[in-house]
Amino acid sequence: MSPTTLLYWSAGMGLFLGFSLGMGCSLAVMFSIYMGGYRAAIRESQRPEPTERYLTELKKFNASQDAPRS
């Protein structure tokens, strides 16, 4: 193989593997965040009586929304 062909072949394989593995890993991370934290937060927010932790975080969020922005 000529050096130019080898360069194009290796660059193409690098791009393919980088994008395919990169997208797969990022989707796996987003799915694990959704399954772990996000669904638990939604479930906690819909309870008939909110937990103390939820009320504390809600107060912090409301305070940050009321703060003036620079």
PDB file of N, CA and C in Angstrom:
ATOM      1  N   MET A   1       0.846  -1.180   0.000  1.00  0.00           N
ATOM      2  CA  MET A   1       0.000   0.000   0.000  1.00  0.00           C
ATOM      3  C   MET A   1       0.889   1.239   0.000  1.00  0.00           C
ATOM      4  N   SER A   2       0.433   2.248  -0.692  1.00  0.00           N
ATOM      5  CA  SER A   2       1.203   3.487  -0.709  1.00  0.00           C
ATOM      6  C   SER A   2       0.930   4.257   0.594  1.00  0.00           C
ATOM      7  N   PRO A   3       1.819   5.144   0.982  1.00  0.00           N
ATOM      8  CA  PRO A   3       1.623   5.898   2.220  1.00  0.00           C
ATOM      9  C   PRO A   3       0.360   6.750   2.203  1.00  0.00           C
ATOM     10  N   THR A   4      -0.022   7.276   1.051  1.00  0.00           N
ATOM     11  CA  THR A   4      -1.226   8.093   0.957  1.00  0.00           C
ATOM     12  C   THR A   4      -2.472   7.246   1.184  1.00  0.00           C
ATOM     13  N   THR A   5      -2.509   6.073   0.590  1.00  0.00           N
ATOM     14  CA  THR A   5      -3.644   5.181   0.774  1.00  0.00           C
ATOM     15  C   THR A   5      -3.749   4.739   2.227  1.00  0.00           C
ATOM     16  N   LEU A   6      -2.619   4.442   2.832  1.00  0.00           N
ATOM     17  CA  LEU A   6      -2.607   4.040   4.234  1.00  0.00           C
ATOM     18  C   LEU A   6      -3.102   5.170   5.124  1.00  0.00           C
ATOM     19  N   LEU A   7      -2.726   6.405   4.804  1.00  0.00           N
ATOM     20  CA  LEU A   7      -3.174   7.563   5.579  1.00  0.00           C
ATOM     21  C   LEU A   7      -4.683   7.719   5.483  1.00  0.00           C
ATOM     22  N   TYR A   8      -5.232   7.651   4.270  1.00  0.00           N
ATOM     23  CA  TYR A   8      -6.682   7.782   4.100  1.00  0.00           C
ATOM     24  C   TYR A   8      -7.429   6.642   4.783  1.00  0.00           C
ATOM     25  N   TRP A   9      -6.907   5.435   4.672  1.00  0.00           N
ATOM     26  CA  TRP A   9      -7.555   4.277   5.279  1.00  0.00           C
ATOM     27  C   TRP A   9      -7.571   4.405   6.801  1.00  0.00           C
ATOM     28  N   SER A  10      -6.440   4.781   7.384  1.00  0.00           N
ATOM     29  CA  SER A  10      -6.374   4.892   8.838  1.00  0.00           C
ATOM     30  C   SER A  10      -7.204   6.073   9.347  1.00  0.00           C
ATOM     31  N   ALA A  11      -7.213   7.170   8.593  1.00  0.00           N
ATOM     32  CA  ALA A  11      -8.035   8.315   8.988  1.00  0.00           C
ATOM     33  C   ALA A  11      -9.519   7.962   8.914  1.00  0.00           C
ATOM     34  N   GLY A  12      -9.909   7.243   7.871  1.00  0.00           N
ATOM     35  CA  GLY A  12     -11.309   6.828   7.740  1.00  0.00           C
ATOM     36  C   GLY A  12     -11.729   5.885   8.854  1.00  0.00           C
ATOM     37  N   MET A  13     -10.871   4.944   9.177  1.00  0.00           N
ATOM     38  CA  MET A  13     -11.194   4.021  10.279  1.00  0.00           C
ATOM     39  C   MET A  13     -11.255   4.758  11.611  1.00  0.00           C
ATOM     40  N   GLY A  14     -10.350   5.714  11.812  1.00  0.00           N
ATOM     41  CA  GLY A  14     -10.369   6.501  13.046  1.00  0.00           C
ATOM     42  C   GLY A  14     -11.631   7.315  13.197  1.00  0.00           C
ATOM     43  N   LEU A  15     -12.053   7.956  12.097  1.00  0.00           N
ATOM     44  CA  LEU A  15     -13.292   8.732  12.140  1.00  0.00           C
ATOM     45  C   LEU A  15     -14.498   7.837  12.394  1.00  0.00           C
ATOM     46  N   PHE A  16     -14.539   6.701  11.690  1.00  0.00           N
ATOM     47  CA  PHE A  16     -15.670   5.798  11.866  1.00  0.00           C
ATOM     48  C   PHE A  16     -15.747   5.285  13.300  1.00  0.00           C
ATOM     49  N   LEU A  17     -14.639   4.788  13.810  1.00  0.00           N
ATOM     50  CA  LEU A  17     -14.643   4.253  15.176  1.00  0.00           C
ATOM     51  C   LEU A  17     -14.883   5.345  16.204  1.00  0.00           C
ATOM     52  N   GLY A  18     -14.310   6.518  15.979  1.00  0.00           N
ATOM     53  CA  GLY A  18     -14.511   7.622  16.917  1.00  0.00           C
ATOM     54  C   GLY A  18     -15.959   8.044  17.018  1.00  0.00           C
ATOM     55  N   PHE A  19     -16.606   8.202  15.867  1.00  0.00           N
ATOM     56  CA  PHE A  19     -18.003   8.616  15.901  1.00  0.00           C
ATOM     57  C   PHE A  19     -18.920   7.497  16.384  1.00  0.00           C
ATOM     58  N   SER A  20     -18.691   6.284  15.939  1.00  0.00           N
ATOM     59  CA  SER A  20     -19.591   5.203  16.347  1.00  0.00           C
ATOM     60  C   SER A  20     -19.450   4.891  17.827  1.00  0.00           C
ATOM     61  N   LEU A  21     -18.229   4.798  18.315  1.00  0.00           N
ATOM     62  CA  LEU A  21     -18.050   4.533  19.746  1.00  0.00           C
ATOM     63  C   LEU A  21     -18.419   5.749  20.586  1.00  0.00           C
ATOM     64  N   GLY A  22     -18.123   6.924  20.095  1.00  0.00           N
ATOM     65  CA  GLY A  22     -18.459   8.140  20.835  1.00  0.00           C
ATOM     66  C   GLY A  22     -19.953   8.313  20.997  1.00  0.00           C
ATOM     67  N   MET A  23     -20.695   8.108  19.923  1.00  0.00           N
ATOM     68  CA  MET A  23     -22.151   8.226  20.007  1.00  0.00           C
ATOM     69  C   MET A  23     -22.741   7.138  20.898  1.00  0.00           C
ATOM     70  N   GLY A  24     -22.222   5.934  20.792  1.00  0.00           N
ATOM     71  CA  GLY A  24     -22.722   4.842  21.632  1.00  0.00           C
ATOM     72  C   GLY A  24     -22.483   5.103  23.104  1.00  0.00           C
ATOM     73  N   CYS A  25     -21.307   5.594  23.430  1.00  0.00           N
ATOM     74  CA  CYS A  25     -20.995   5.883  24.834  1.00  0.00           C
ATOM     75  C   CYS A  25     -21.828   7.038  25.364  1.00  0.00           C
ATOM     76  N   SER A  26     -22.002   8.078  24.569  1.00  0.00           N
ATOM     77  CA  SER A  26     -22.788   9.216  25.042  1.00  0.00           C
ATOM     78  C   SER A  26     -24.256   8.833  25.226  1.00  0.00           C
ATOM     79  N   LEU A  27     -24.784   8.007  24.359  1.00  0.00           N
ATOM     80  CA  LEU A  27     -26.161   7.545  24.544  1.00  0.00           C
ATOM     81  C   LEU A  27     -26.293   6.673  25.787  1.00  0.00           C
ATOM     82  N   ALA A  28     -25.294   5.863  26.059  1.00  0.00           N
ATOM     83  CA  ALA A  28     -25.332   5.031  27.259  1.00  0.00           C
ATOM     84  C   ALA A  28     -25.300   5.888  28.520  1.00  0.00           C
ATOM     85  N   VAL A  29     -24.506   6.940  28.513  1.00  0.00           N
ATOM     86  CA  VAL A  29     -24.434   7.830  29.672  1.00  0.00           C
ATOM     87  C   VAL A  29     -25.749   8.566  29.863  1.00  0.00           C
ATOM     88  N   MET A  30     -26.325   9.085  28.784  1.00  0.00           N
ATOM     89  CA  MET A  30     -27.600   9.790  28.903  1.00  0.00           C
ATOM     90  C   MET A  30     -28.702   8.857  29.388  1.00  0.00           C
ATOM     91  N   PHE A  31     -28.710   7.609  28.930  1.00  0.00           N
ATOM     92  CA  PHE A  31     -29.718   6.661  29.359  1.00  0.00           C
ATOM     93  C   PHE A  31     -29.563   6.337  30.837  1.00  0.00           C
ATOM     94  N   SER A  32     -28.321   6.187  31.306  1.00  0.00           N
ATOM     95  CA  SER A  32     -28.121   5.868  32.719  1.00  0.00           C
ATOM     96  C   SER A  32     -28.518   7.044  33.607  1.00  0.00           C
ATOM     97  N   ILE A  33     -28.284   8.273  33.143  1.00  0.00           N
ATOM     98  CA  ILE A  33     -28.732   9.439  33.907  1.00  0.00           C
ATOM     99  C   ILE A  33     -30.254   9.448  33.979  1.00  0.00           C
ATOM    100  N   TYR A  34     -30.903   9.184  32.859  1.00  0.00           N
ATOM    101  CA  TYR A  34     -32.365   9.156  32.829  1.00  0.00           C
ATOM    102  C   TYR A  34     -32.912   8.073  33.747  1.00  0.00           C
ATOM    103  N   MET A  35     -32.341   6.879  33.669  1.00  0.00           N
ATOM    104  CA  MET A  35     -32.858   5.768  34.474  1.00  0.00           C
ATOM    105  C   MET A  35     -32.613   5.984  35.962  1.00  0.00           C
ATOM    106  N   GLY A  36     -31.504   6.602  36.316  1.00  0.00           N
ATOM    107  CA  GLY A  36     -31.162   6.744  37.728  1.00  0.00           C
ATOM    108  C   GLY A  36     -31.756   7.970  38.367  1.00  0.00           C
ATOM    109  N   GLY A  37     -31.289   9.120  37.981  1.00  0.00           N
ATOM    110  CA  GLY A  37     -31.637  10.335  38.699  1.00  0.00           C
ATOM    111  C   GLY A  37     -32.900  11.018  38.232  1.00  0.00           C
ATOM    112  N   TYR A  38     -33.073  11.130  36.943  1.00  0.00           N
ATOM    113  CA  TYR A  38     -34.188  11.912  36.424  1.00  0.00           C
ATOM    114  C   TYR A  38     -35.535  11.281  36.769  1.00  0.00           C
ATOM    115  N   ARG A  39     -35.649   9.982  36.559  1.00  0.00           N
ATOM    116  CA  ARG A  39     -36.920   9.325  36.858  1.00  0.00           C
ATOM    117  C   ARG A  39     -37.212   9.354  38.342  1.00  0.00           C
ATOM    118  N   ALA A  40     -36.180   9.211  39.170  1.00  0.00           N
ATOM    119  CA  ALA A  40     -36.384   9.266  40.619  1.00  0.00           C
ATOM    120  C   ALA A  40     -36.850  10.659  41.044  1.00  0.00           C
ATOM    121  N   ALA A  41     -36.303  11.694  40.424  1.00  0.00           N
ATOM    122  CA  ALA A  41     -36.711  13.061  40.760  1.00  0.00           C
ATOM    123  C   ALA A  41     -38.161  13.314  40.351  1.00  0.00           C
ATOM    124  N   ILE A  42     -38.555  12.836  39.204  1.00  0.00           N
ATOM    125  CA  ILE A  42     -39.946  13.002  38.766  1.00  0.00           C
ATOM    126  C   ILE A  42     -40.885  12.245  39.698  1.00  0.00           C
ATOM    127  N   ARG A  43     -40.514  11.023  40.036  1.00  0.00           N
ATOM    128  CA  ARG A  43     -41.347  10.218  40.935  1.00  0.00           C
ATOM    129  C   ARG A  43     -41.469  10.900  42.298  1.00  0.00           C
ATOM    130  N   GLU A  44     -40.373  11.473  42.792  1.00  0.00           N
ATOM    131  CA  GLU A  44     -40.396  12.142  44.091  1.00  0.00           C
ATOM    132  C   GLU A  44     -41.243  13.403  44.045  1.00  0.00           C
ATOM    133  N   SER A  45     -41.229  14.111  42.934  1.00  0.00           N
ATOM    134  CA  SER A  45     -41.997  15.351  42.839  1.00  0.00           C
ATOM    135  C   SER A  45     -43.496  15.104  42.754  1.00  0.00           C
ATOM    136  N   GLN A  46     -43.912  13.893  42.413  1.00  0.00           N
ATOM    137  CA  GLN A  46     -45.337  13.592  42.265  1.00  0.00           C
ATOM    138  C   GLN A  46     -45.922  12.875  43.468  1.00  0.00           C
ATOM    139  N   ARG A  47     -45.170  12.766  44.535  1.00  0.00           N
ATOM    140  CA  ARG A  47     -45.692  12.126  45.744  1.00  0.00           C
ATOM    141  C   ARG A  47     -46.763  13.006  46.370  1.00  0.00           C
ATOM    142  N   PRO A  48     -47.734  12.418  47.079  1.00  0.00           N
ATOM    143  CA  PRO A  48     -48.779  13.235  47.702  1.00  0.00           C
ATOM    144  C   PRO A  48     -48.211  14.220  48.730  1.00  0.00           C
ATOM    145  N   GLU A  49     -47.258  13.763  49.533  1.00  0.00           N
ATOM    146  CA  GLU A  49     -46.597  14.643  50.492  1.00  0.00           C
ATOM    147  C   GLU A  49     -45.121  14.716  50.109  1.00  0.00           C
ATOM    148  N   PRO A  50     -44.659  15.886  49.670  1.00  0.00           N
ATOM    149  CA  PRO A  50     -43.259  16.002  49.249  1.00  0.00           C
ATOM    150  C   PRO A  50     -42.302  15.741  50.417  1.00  0.00           C
ATOM    151  N   THR A  51     -41.158  15.192  50.100  1.00  0.00           N
ATOM    152  CA  THR A  51     -40.154  14.929  51.126  1.00  0.00           C
ATOM    153  C   THR A  51     -39.467  16.228  51.536  1.00  0.00           C
ATOM    154  N   GLU A  52     -38.783  16.186  52.663  1.00  0.00           N
ATOM    155  CA  GLU A  52     -38.071  17.364  53.159  1.00  0.00           C
ATOM    156  C   GLU A  52     -36.975  17.799  52.178  1.00  0.00           C
ATOM    157  N   ARG A  53     -36.303  16.834  51.614  1.00  0.00           N
ATOM    158  CA  ARG A  53     -35.241  17.154  50.657  1.00  0.00           C
ATOM    159  C   ARG A  53     -35.812  17.871  49.428  1.00  0.00           C
ATOM    160  N   TYR A  54     -36.944  17.406  48.938  1.00  0.00           N
ATOM    161  CA  TYR A  54     -37.570  18.042  47.778  1.00  0.00           C
ATOM    162  C   TYR A  54     -37.959  19.483  48.099  1.00  0.00           C
ATOM    163  N   LEU A  55     -38.526  19.711  49.270  1.00  0.00           N
ATOM    164  CA  LEU A  55     -38.930  21.061  49.640  1.00  0.00           C
ATOM    165  C   LEU A  55     -37.715  21.979  49.774  1.00  0.00           C
ATOM    166  N   THR A  56     -36.623  21.468  50.329  1.00  0.00           N
ATOM    167  CA  THR A  56     -35.401  22.260  50.454  1.00  0.00           C
ATOM    168  C   THR A  56     -34.858  22.642  49.083  1.00  0.00           C
ATOM    169  N   GLU A  57     -34.797  21.676  48.179  1.00  0.00           N
ATOM    170  CA  GLU A  57     -34.290  21.961  46.835  1.00  0.00           C
ATOM    171  C   GLU A  57     -35.217  22.899  46.080  1.00  0.00           C
ATOM    172  N   LEU A  58     -36.507  22.789  46.299  1.00  0.00           N
ATOM    173  CA  LEU A  58     -37.467  23.680  45.649  1.00  0.00           C
ATOM    174  C   LEU A  58     -37.281  25.116  46.128  1.00  0.00           C
ATOM    175  N   LYS A  59     -37.026  25.287  47.429  1.00  0.00           N
ATOM    176  CA  LYS A  59     -36.762  26.635  47.952  1.00  0.00           C
ATOM    177  C   LYS A  59     -35.487  27.213  47.348  1.00  0.00           C
ATOM    178  N   LYS A  60     -34.440  26.391  47.230  1.00  0.00           N
ATOM    179  CA  LYS A  60     -33.194  26.854  46.621  1.00  0.00           C
ATOM    180  C   LYS A  60     -33.420  27.262  45.165  1.00  0.00           C
ATOM    181  N   PHE A  61     -34.191  26.465  44.454  1.00  0.00           N
ATOM    182  CA  PHE A  61     -34.460  26.767  43.044  1.00  0.00           C
ATOM    183  C   PHE A  61     -35.240  28.061  42.907  1.00  0.00           C
ATOM    184  N   ASN A  62     -36.274  28.237  43.720  1.00  0.00           N
ATOM    185  CA  ASN A  62     -37.064  29.462  43.647  1.00  0.00           C
ATOM    186  C   ASN A  62     -36.238  30.682  44.006  1.00  0.00           C
ATOM    187  N   ALA A  63     -35.330  30.537  44.976  1.00  0.00           N
ATOM    188  CA  ALA A  63     -34.465  31.651  45.357  1.00  0.00           C
ATOM    189  C   ALA A  63     -33.516  32.003  44.218  1.00  0.00           C
ATOM    190  N   SER A  64     -33.027  31.023  43.523  1.00  0.00           N
ATOM    191  CA  SER A  64     -32.107  31.304  42.407  1.00  0.00           C
ATOM    192  C   SER A  64     -32.850  31.944  41.232  1.00  0.00           C
ATOM    193  N   GLN A  65     -34.121  31.627  41.074  1.00  0.00           N
ATOM    194  CA  GLN A  65     -34.894  32.225  39.994  1.00  0.00           C
ATOM    195  C   GLN A  65     -35.257  33.682  40.304  1.00  0.00           C
ATOM    196  N   ASP A  66     -35.426  34.005  41.610  1.00  0.00           N
ATOM    197  CA  ASP A  66     -35.777  35.357  42.002  1.00  0.00           C
ATOM    198  C   ASP A  66     -34.584  36.285  42.075  1.00  0.00           C
ATOM    199  N   ALA A  67     -33.371  35.744  42.112  1.00  0.00           N
ATOM    200  CA  ALA A  67     -32.165  36.556  42.225  1.00  0.00           C
ATOM    201  C   ALA A  67     -31.975  37.376  40.946  1.00  0.00           C
ATOM    202  N   PRO A  68     -31.514  38.636  41.106  1.00  0.00           N
ATOM    203  CA  PRO A  68     -31.293  39.470  39.906  1.00  0.00           C
ATOM    204  C   PRO A  68     -30.117  38.935  39.100  1.00  0.00           C
ATOM    205  N   ARG A  69     -30.253  39.008  37.799  1.00  0.00           N
ATOM    206  CA  ARG A  69     -29.207  38.518  36.913  1.00  0.00           C
ATOM    207  C   ARG A  69     -28.352  39.683  36.445  1.00  0.00           C
ATOM    208  N   SER A  70     -27.065  39.444  36.370  1.00  0.00           N
ATOM    209  CA  SER A  70     -26.169  40.525  35.927  1.00  0.00           C
ATOM    210  C   SER A  70     -25.870  40.412  34.449  1.00  0.00           C
TER     211      SER A  70
END
